[in-house]
């Protein structure tokens, strides 16, 4: 986790998420690998309950970056 001017982000250096699937991964039931397809939906629900929009981008070293904009109300 690191800071943004208006929030924070979490990033990894894994395979990333294709741009065409970035909205879908936040929906309950999305299966992109192992699991029940609810993990990122839970993260999205918690962020939404705080009024923090999530933006998904590519990471600095590949992978994916989840940006939480806490001052974007």
PDB file of N, CA and C in Angstrom:
ATOM      1  N   UNK A   1       0.848  -1.167   0.000  1.00  0.00           N
ATOM      2  CA  UNK A   1       0.000   0.000   0.000  1.00  0.00           C
ATOM      3  C   UNK A   1       0.892   1.228   0.000  1.00  0.00           C
ATOM      4  N   UNK A   2       0.450   2.248  -0.745  1.00  0.00           N
ATOM      5  CA  UNK A   2       1.169   3.511  -0.789  1.00  0.00           C
ATOM      6  C   UNK A   2       0.158   4.636  -0.971  1.00  0.00           C
ATOM      7  N   UNK A   3       0.613   5.845  -0.824  1.00  0.00           N
ATOM      8  CA  UNK A   3      -0.285   7.005  -0.870  1.00  0.00           C
ATOM      9  C   UNK A   3      -0.429   7.588  -2.267  1.00  0.00           C
ATOM     10  N   UNK A   4      -1.604   8.155  -2.502  1.00  0.00           N
ATOM     11  CA  UNK A   4      -1.889   9.011  -3.650  1.00  0.00           C
ATOM     12  C   UNK A   4      -2.196  10.390  -3.086  1.00  0.00           C
ATOM     13  N   UNK A   5      -2.237  11.400  -3.925  1.00  0.00           N
ATOM     14  CA  UNK A   5      -2.600  12.740  -3.446  1.00  0.00           C
ATOM     15  C   UNK A   5      -3.995  12.754  -2.826  1.00  0.00           C
ATOM     16  N   UNK A   6      -4.882  11.917  -3.338  1.00  0.00           N
ATOM     17  CA  UNK A   6      -6.268  11.919  -2.861  1.00  0.00           C
ATOM     18  C   UNK A   6      -6.711  10.560  -2.310  1.00  0.00           C
ATOM     19  N   UNK A   7      -5.761   9.731  -1.885  1.00  0.00           N
ATOM     20  CA  UNK A   7      -6.134   8.418  -1.352  1.00  0.00           C
ATOM     21  C   UNK A   7      -4.933   7.506  -1.207  1.00  0.00           C
ATOM     22  N   UNK A   8      -5.134   6.254  -1.616  1.00  0.00           N
ATOM     23  CA  UNK A   8      -4.064   5.263  -1.506  1.00  0.00           C
ATOM     24  C   UNK A   8      -4.249   4.215  -2.594  1.00  0.00           C
ATOM     25  N   UNK A   9      -3.233   3.359  -2.762  1.00  0.00           N
ATOM     26  CA  UNK A   9      -3.339   2.273  -3.720  1.00  0.00           C
ATOM     27  C   UNK A   9      -2.670   1.020  -3.184  1.00  0.00           C
ATOM     28  N   UNK A  10      -3.104  -0.106  -3.749  1.00  0.00           N
ATOM     29  CA  UNK A  10      -2.514  -1.409  -3.487  1.00  0.00           C
ATOM     30  C   UNK A  10      -2.117  -1.966  -4.849  1.00  0.00           C
ATOM     31  N   UNK A  11      -0.904  -2.512  -4.945  1.00  0.00           N
ATOM     32  CA  UNK A  11      -0.382  -2.939  -6.247  1.00  0.00           C
ATOM     33  C   UNK A  11       0.359  -4.254  -6.102  1.00  0.00           C
ATOM     34  N   UNK A  12       0.312  -5.056  -7.170  1.00  0.00           N
ATOM     35  CA  UNK A  12       1.137  -6.259  -7.210  1.00  0.00           C
ATOM     36  C   UNK A  12       1.888  -6.308  -8.529  1.00  0.00           C
ATOM     37  N   UNK A  13       2.730  -7.298  -8.698  1.00  0.00           N
ATOM     38  CA  UNK A  13       3.500  -7.432  -9.943  1.00  0.00           C
ATOM     39  C   UNK A  13       3.174  -8.743 -10.651  1.00  0.00           C
ATOM     40  N   UNK A  14       1.951  -9.232 -10.437  1.00  0.00           N
ATOM     41  CA  UNK A  14       1.502 -10.480 -11.062  1.00  0.00           C
ATOM     42  C   UNK A  14       1.131 -10.283 -12.517  1.00  0.00           C
ATOM     43  N   UNK A  15       0.249 -11.134 -13.027  1.00  0.00           N
ATOM     44  CA  UNK A  15      -0.115 -11.097 -14.440  1.00  0.00           C
ATOM     45  C   UNK A  15      -1.000  -9.912 -14.836  1.00  0.00           C
ATOM     46  N   UNK A  16      -1.561  -9.202 -13.874  1.00  0.00           N
ATOM     47  CA  UNK A  16      -2.410  -8.058 -14.192  1.00  0.00           C
ATOM     48  C   UNK A  16      -3.832  -8.461 -14.533  1.00  0.00           C
ATOM     49  N   UNK A  17      -4.629  -7.485 -14.856  1.00  0.00           N
ATOM     50  CA  UNK A  17      -6.020  -7.690 -15.262  1.00  0.00           C
ATOM     51  C   UNK A  17      -6.206  -6.962 -16.584  1.00  0.00           C
ATOM     52  N   UNK A  18      -6.622  -7.664 -17.630  1.00  0.00           N
ATOM     53  CA  UNK A  18      -6.834  -6.989 -18.912  1.00  0.00           C
ATOM     54  C   UNK A  18      -7.828  -5.834 -18.757  1.00  0.00           C
ATOM     55  N   UNK A  19      -7.577  -4.767 -19.466  1.00  0.00           N
ATOM     56  CA  UNK A  19      -8.431  -3.581 -19.383  1.00  0.00           C
ATOM     57  C   UNK A  19      -9.902  -3.912 -19.620  1.00  0.00           C
ATOM     58  N   UNK A  20     -10.174  -4.843 -20.510  1.00  0.00           N
ATOM     59  CA  UNK A  20     -11.560  -5.205 -20.840  1.00  0.00           C
ATOM     60  C   UNK A  20     -12.281  -5.919 -19.703  1.00  0.00           C
ATOM     61  N   UNK A  21     -11.545  -6.399 -18.701  1.00  0.00           N
ATOM     62  CA  UNK A  21     -12.157  -7.141 -17.587  1.00  0.00           C
ATOM     63  C   UNK A  21     -12.128  -6.378 -16.265  1.00  0.00           C
ATOM     64  N   UNK A  22     -11.594  -5.186 -16.256  1.00  0.00           N
ATOM     65  CA  UNK A  22     -11.394  -4.462 -15.002  1.00  0.00           C
ATOM     66  C   UNK A  22     -12.684  -4.112 -14.285  1.00  0.00           C
ATOM     67  N   UNK A  23     -13.754  -3.809 -14.988  1.00  0.00           N
ATOM     68  CA  UNK A  23     -15.042  -3.565 -14.324  1.00  0.00           C
ATOM     69  C   UNK A  23     -15.642  -4.869 -13.824  1.00  0.00           C
ATOM     70  N   UNK A  24     -15.483  -5.927 -14.595  1.00  0.00           N
ATOM     71  CA  UNK A  24     -16.097  -7.215 -14.263  1.00  0.00           C
ATOM     72  C   UNK A  24     -15.524  -7.835 -13.002  1.00  0.00           C
ATOM     73  N   UNK A  25     -14.227  -7.635 -12.726  1.00  0.00           N
ATOM     74  CA  UNK A  25     -13.615  -8.305 -11.574  1.00  0.00           C
ATOM     75  C   UNK A  25     -14.180  -7.824 -10.248  1.00  0.00           C
ATOM     76  N   UNK A  26     -14.834  -6.685 -10.234  1.00  0.00           N
ATOM     77  CA  UNK A  26     -15.420  -6.153  -8.998  1.00  0.00           C
ATOM     78  C   UNK A  26     -16.834  -6.676  -8.750  1.00  0.00           C
ATOM     79  N   UNK A  27     -17.378  -7.410  -9.683  1.00  0.00           N
ATOM     80  CA  UNK A  27     -18.746  -7.939  -9.554  1.00  0.00           C
ATOM     81  C   UNK A  27     -18.737  -9.288  -8.857  1.00  0.00           C
ATOM     82  N   UNK A  28     -19.715  -9.506  -7.998  1.00  0.00           N
ATOM     83  CA  UNK A  28     -19.849 -10.787  -7.302  1.00  0.00           C
ATOM     84  C   UNK A  28     -20.073 -11.896  -8.324  1.00  0.00           C
ATOM     85  N   UNK A  29     -19.369 -12.984  -8.152  1.00  0.00           N
ATOM     86  CA  UNK A  29     -19.510 -14.124  -9.043  1.00  0.00           C
ATOM     87  C   UNK A  29     -18.481 -14.179 -10.149  1.00  0.00           C
ATOM     88  N   UNK A  30     -17.679 -13.116 -10.322  1.00  0.00           N
ATOM     89  CA  UNK A  30     -16.658 -13.149 -11.357  1.00  0.00           C
ATOM     90  C   UNK A  30     -15.602 -14.190 -10.990  1.00  0.00           C
ATOM     91  N   UNK A  31     -15.330 -15.086 -11.907  1.00  0.00           N
ATOM     92  CA  UNK A  31     -14.329 -16.133 -11.682  1.00  0.00           C
ATOM     93  C   UNK A  31     -13.182 -15.961 -12.672  1.00  0.00           C
ATOM     94  N   UNK A  32     -12.075 -15.462 -12.170  1.00  0.00           N
ATOM     95  CA  UNK A  32     -10.907 -15.307 -13.015  1.00  0.00           C
ATOM     96  C   UNK A  32      -9.823 -16.314 -12.674  1.00  0.00           C
ATOM     97  N   UNK A  33     -10.080 -17.120 -11.693  1.00  0.00           N
ATOM     98  CA  UNK A  33      -9.111 -18.100 -11.216  1.00  0.00           C
ATOM     99  C   UNK A  33      -9.784 -18.969 -10.176  1.00  0.00           C
ATOM    100  N   UNK A  34      -9.051 -19.402  -9.197  1.00  0.00           N
ATOM    101  CA  UNK A  34      -9.609 -20.214  -8.117  1.00  0.00           C
ATOM    102  C   UNK A  34     -10.466 -19.357  -7.198  1.00  0.00           C
ATOM    103  N   UNK A  35     -11.451 -19.958  -6.581  1.00  0.00           N
ATOM    104  CA  UNK A  35     -12.236 -19.248  -5.581  1.00  0.00           C
ATOM    105  C   UNK A  35     -13.689 -19.118  -5.942  1.00  0.00           C
ATOM    106  N   UNK A  36     -14.406 -18.419  -5.063  1.00  0.00           N
ATOM    107  CA  UNK A  36     -15.854 -18.284  -5.198  1.00  0.00           C
ATOM    108  C   UNK A  36     -16.276 -17.054  -5.986  1.00  0.00           C
ATOM    109  N   UNK A  37     -15.332 -16.194  -6.342  1.00  0.00           N
ATOM    110  CA  UNK A  37     -15.680 -15.024  -7.134  1.00  0.00           C
ATOM    111  C   UNK A  37     -16.316 -13.902  -6.330  1.00  0.00           C
ATOM    112  N   UNK A  38     -15.973 -13.801  -5.041  1.00  0.00           N
ATOM    113  CA  UNK A  38     -16.562 -12.722  -4.236  1.00  0.00           C
ATOM    114  C   UNK A  38     -15.525 -11.815  -3.583  1.00  0.00           C
ATOM    115  N   UNK A  39     -14.263 -12.160  -3.653  1.00  0.00           N
ATOM    116  CA  UNK A  39     -13.247 -11.394  -2.919  1.00  0.00           C
ATOM    117  C   UNK A  39     -13.202  -9.927  -3.314  1.00  0.00           C
ATOM    118  N   UNK A  40     -13.043  -9.623  -4.596  1.00  0.00           N
ATOM    119  CA  UNK A  40     -12.964  -8.223  -5.003  1.00  0.00           C
ATOM    120  C   UNK A  40     -14.317  -7.535  -4.904  1.00  0.00           C
ATOM    121  N   UNK A  41     -15.403  -8.284  -4.990  1.00  0.00           N
ATOM    122  CA  UNK A  41     -16.732  -7.699  -4.784  1.00  0.00           C
ATOM    123  C   UNK A  41     -16.864  -7.208  -3.344  1.00  0.00           C
ATOM    124  N   UNK A  42     -16.284  -7.930  -2.398  1.00  0.00           N
ATOM    125  CA  UNK A  42     -16.306  -7.500  -0.992  1.00  0.00           C
ATOM    126  C   UNK A  42     -15.474  -6.227  -0.830  1.00  0.00           C
ATOM    127  N   UNK A  43     -14.303  -6.187  -1.426  1.00  0.00           N
ATOM    128  CA  UNK A  43     -13.459  -5.000  -1.368  1.00  0.00           C
ATOM    129  C   UNK A  43     -14.215  -3.804  -1.954  1.00  0.00           C
ATOM    130  N   UNK A  44     -14.871  -4.009  -3.089  1.00  0.00           N
ATOM    131  CA  UNK A  44     -15.630  -2.943  -3.727  1.00  0.00           C
ATOM    132  C   UNK A  44     -16.769  -2.468  -2.823  1.00  0.00           C
ATOM    133  N   UNK A  45     -17.459  -3.387  -2.173  1.00  0.00           N
ATOM    134  CA  UNK A  45     -18.573  -3.014  -1.287  1.00  0.00           C
ATOM    135  C   UNK A  45     -18.078  -2.200  -0.091  1.00  0.00           C
ATOM    136  N   UNK A  46     -16.960  -2.596   0.499  1.00  0.00           N
ATOM    137  CA  UNK A  46     -16.403  -1.852   1.637  1.00  0.00           C
ATOM    138  C   UNK A  46     -15.964  -0.457   1.191  1.00  0.00           C
ATOM    139  N   UNK A  47     -15.257  -0.389   0.068  1.00  0.00           N
ATOM    140  CA  UNK A  47     -14.819   0.911  -0.441  1.00  0.00           C
ATOM    141  C   UNK A  47     -16.021   1.796  -0.757  1.00  0.00           C
ATOM    142  N   UNK A  48     -17.042   1.217  -1.379  1.00  0.00           N
ATOM    143  CA  UNK A  48     -18.250   1.969  -1.718  1.00  0.00           C
ATOM    144  C   UNK A  48     -18.947   2.487  -0.465  1.00  0.00           C
ATOM    145  N   UNK A  49     -18.985   1.676   0.605  1.00  0.00           N
ATOM    146  CA  UNK A  49     -19.640   2.110   1.838  1.00  0.00           C
ATOM    147  C   UNK A  49     -18.918   3.304   2.472  1.00  0.00           C
ATOM    148  N   UNK A  50     -17.644   3.486   2.138  1.00  0.00           N
ATOM    149  CA  UNK A  50     -16.879   4.636   2.624  1.00  0.00           C
ATOM    150  C   UNK A  50     -16.879   5.794   1.623  1.00  0.00           C
ATOM    151  N   UNK A  51     -17.492   5.578   0.463  1.00  0.00           N
ATOM    152  CA  UNK A  51     -17.505   6.612  -0.566  1.00  0.00           C
ATOM    153  C   UNK A  51     -16.201   6.717  -1.328  1.00  0.00           C
ATOM    154  N   UNK A  52     -15.459   5.606  -1.398  1.00  0.00           N
ATOM    155  CA  UNK A  52     -14.160   5.589  -2.069  1.00  0.00           C
ATOM    156  C   UNK A  52     -14.266   4.870  -3.412  1.00  0.00           C
ATOM    157  N   UNK A  53     -14.322   5.578  -4.521  1.00  0.00           N
ATOM    158  CA  UNK A  53     -14.309   4.901  -5.819  1.00  0.00           C
ATOM    159  C   UNK A  53     -12.999   4.138  -6.016  1.00  0.00           C
ATOM    160  N   UNK A  54     -13.092   2.984  -6.651  1.00  0.00           N
ATOM    161  CA  UNK A  54     -11.895   2.201  -6.991  1.00  0.00           C
ATOM    162  C   UNK A  54     -11.636   2.368  -8.482  1.00  0.00           C
ATOM    163  N   UNK A  55     -10.397   2.626  -8.819  1.00  0.00           N
ATOM    164  CA  UNK A  55      -9.979   2.644 -10.216  1.00  0.00           C
ATOM    165  C   UNK A  55      -8.883   1.597 -10.367  1.00  0.00           C
ATOM    166  N   UNK A  56      -9.024   0.754 -11.378  1.00  0.00           N
ATOM    167  CA  UNK A  56      -8.056  -0.315 -11.617  1.00  0.00           C
ATOM    168  C   UNK A  56      -7.199   0.076 -12.810  1.00  0.00           C
ATOM    169  N   UNK A  57      -5.884   0.026 -12.610  1.00  0.00           N
ATOM    170  CA  UNK A  57      -4.944   0.339 -13.682  1.00  0.00           C
ATOM    171  C   UNK A  57      -3.846  -0.718 -13.685  1.00  0.00           C
ATOM    172  N   UNK A  58      -2.945  -0.600 -14.615  1.00  0.00           N
ATOM    173  CA  UNK A  58      -1.769  -1.449 -14.607  1.00  0.00           C
ATOM    174  C   UNK A  58      -0.810  -0.979 -13.529  1.00  0.00           C
ATOM    175  N   UNK A  59      -0.003  -1.898 -13.010  1.00  0.00           N
ATOM    176  CA  UNK A  59       0.986  -1.547 -11.997  1.00  0.00           C
ATOM    177  C   UNK A  59       2.256  -1.002 -12.617  1.00  0.00           C
ATOM    178  N   UNK A  60       3.094  -0.428 -11.794  1.00  0.00           N
ATOM    179  CA  UNK A  60       4.368   0.128 -12.265  1.00  0.00           C
ATOM    180  C   UNK A  60       5.271  -0.938 -12.884  1.00  0.00           C
ATOM    181  N   UNK A  61       5.287  -2.142 -12.297  1.00  0.00           N
ATOM    182  CA  UNK A  61       6.155  -3.224 -12.767  1.00  0.00           C
ATOM    183  C   UNK A  61       5.341  -4.377 -13.329  1.00  0.00           C
ATOM    184  N   UNK A  62       4.297  -4.067 -14.089  1.00  0.00           N
ATOM    185  CA  UNK A  62       3.359  -5.086 -14.530  1.00  0.00           C
ATOM    186  C   UNK A  62       2.309  -5.244 -13.455  1.00  0.00           C
ATOM    187  N   UNK A  63       1.568  -6.295 -13.490  1.00  0.00           N
ATOM    188  CA  UNK A  63       0.572  -6.522 -12.457  1.00  0.00           C
ATOM    189  C   UNK A  63      -0.588  -5.547 -12.536  1.00  0.00           C
ATOM    190  N   UNK A  64      -1.154  -5.262 -11.378  1.00  0.00           N
ATOM    191  CA  UNK A  64      -2.350  -4.430 -11.311  1.00  0.00           C
ATOM    192  C   UNK A  64      -2.237  -3.470 -10.132  1.00  0.00           C
ATOM    193  N   UNK A  65      -2.878  -2.319 -10.284  1.00  0.00           N
ATOM    194  CA  UNK A  65      -2.935  -1.332  -9.205  1.00  0.00           C
ATOM    195  C   UNK A  65      -4.400  -0.996  -8.952  1.00  0.00           C
ATOM    196  N   UNK A  66      -4.801  -1.102  -7.695  1.00  0.00           N
ATOM    197  CA  UNK A  66      -6.145  -0.718  -7.262  1.00  0.00           C
ATOM    198  C   UNK A  66      -6.012   0.613  -6.537  1.00  0.00           C
ATOM    199  N   UNK A  67      -6.600   1.666  -7.121  1.00  0.00           N
ATOM    200  CA  UNK A  67      -6.520   3.004  -6.541  1.00  0.00           C
ATOM    201  C   UNK A  67      -7.826   3.310  -5.811  1.00  0.00           C
ATOM    202  N   UNK A  68      -7.707   3.748  -4.578  1.00  0.00           N
ATOM    203  CA  UNK A  68      -8.853   4.132  -3.756  1.00  0.00           C
ATOM    204  C   UNK A  68      -8.781   5.643  -3.562  1.00  0.00           C
ATOM    205  N   UNK A  69      -9.742   6.351  -4.133  1.00  0.00           N
ATOM    206  CA  UNK A  69      -9.749   7.816  -4.089  1.00  0.00           C
ATOM    207  C   UNK A  69     -10.660   8.274  -2.960  1.00  0.00           C
ATOM    208  N   UNK A  70     -10.076   8.530  -1.787  1.00  0.00           N
ATOM    209  CA  UNK A  70     -10.868   8.832  -0.603  1.00  0.00           C
ATOM    210  C   UNK A  70     -11.380  10.258  -0.580  1.00  0.00           C
ATOM    211  N   UNK A  71     -10.791  11.145  -1.348  1.00  0.00           N
ATOM    212  CA  UNK A  71     -11.251  12.539  -1.389  1.00  0.00           C
ATOM    213  C   UNK A  71     -12.093  12.825  -2.616  1.00  0.00           C
ATOM    214  N   UNK A  72     -12.618  11.797  -3.254  1.00  0.00           N
ATOM    215  CA  UNK A  72     -13.344  11.911  -4.523  1.00  0.00           C
ATOM    216  C   UNK A  72     -14.855  11.878  -4.273  1.00  0.00           C
ATOM    217  N   UNK A  73     -15.313  12.577  -3.271  1.00  0.00           N
ATOM    218  CA  UNK A  73     -16.735  12.522  -2.884  1.00  0.00           C
ATOM    219  C   UNK A  73     -17.532  13.613  -3.494  1.00  0.00           C
TER     220      UNK A  73
END
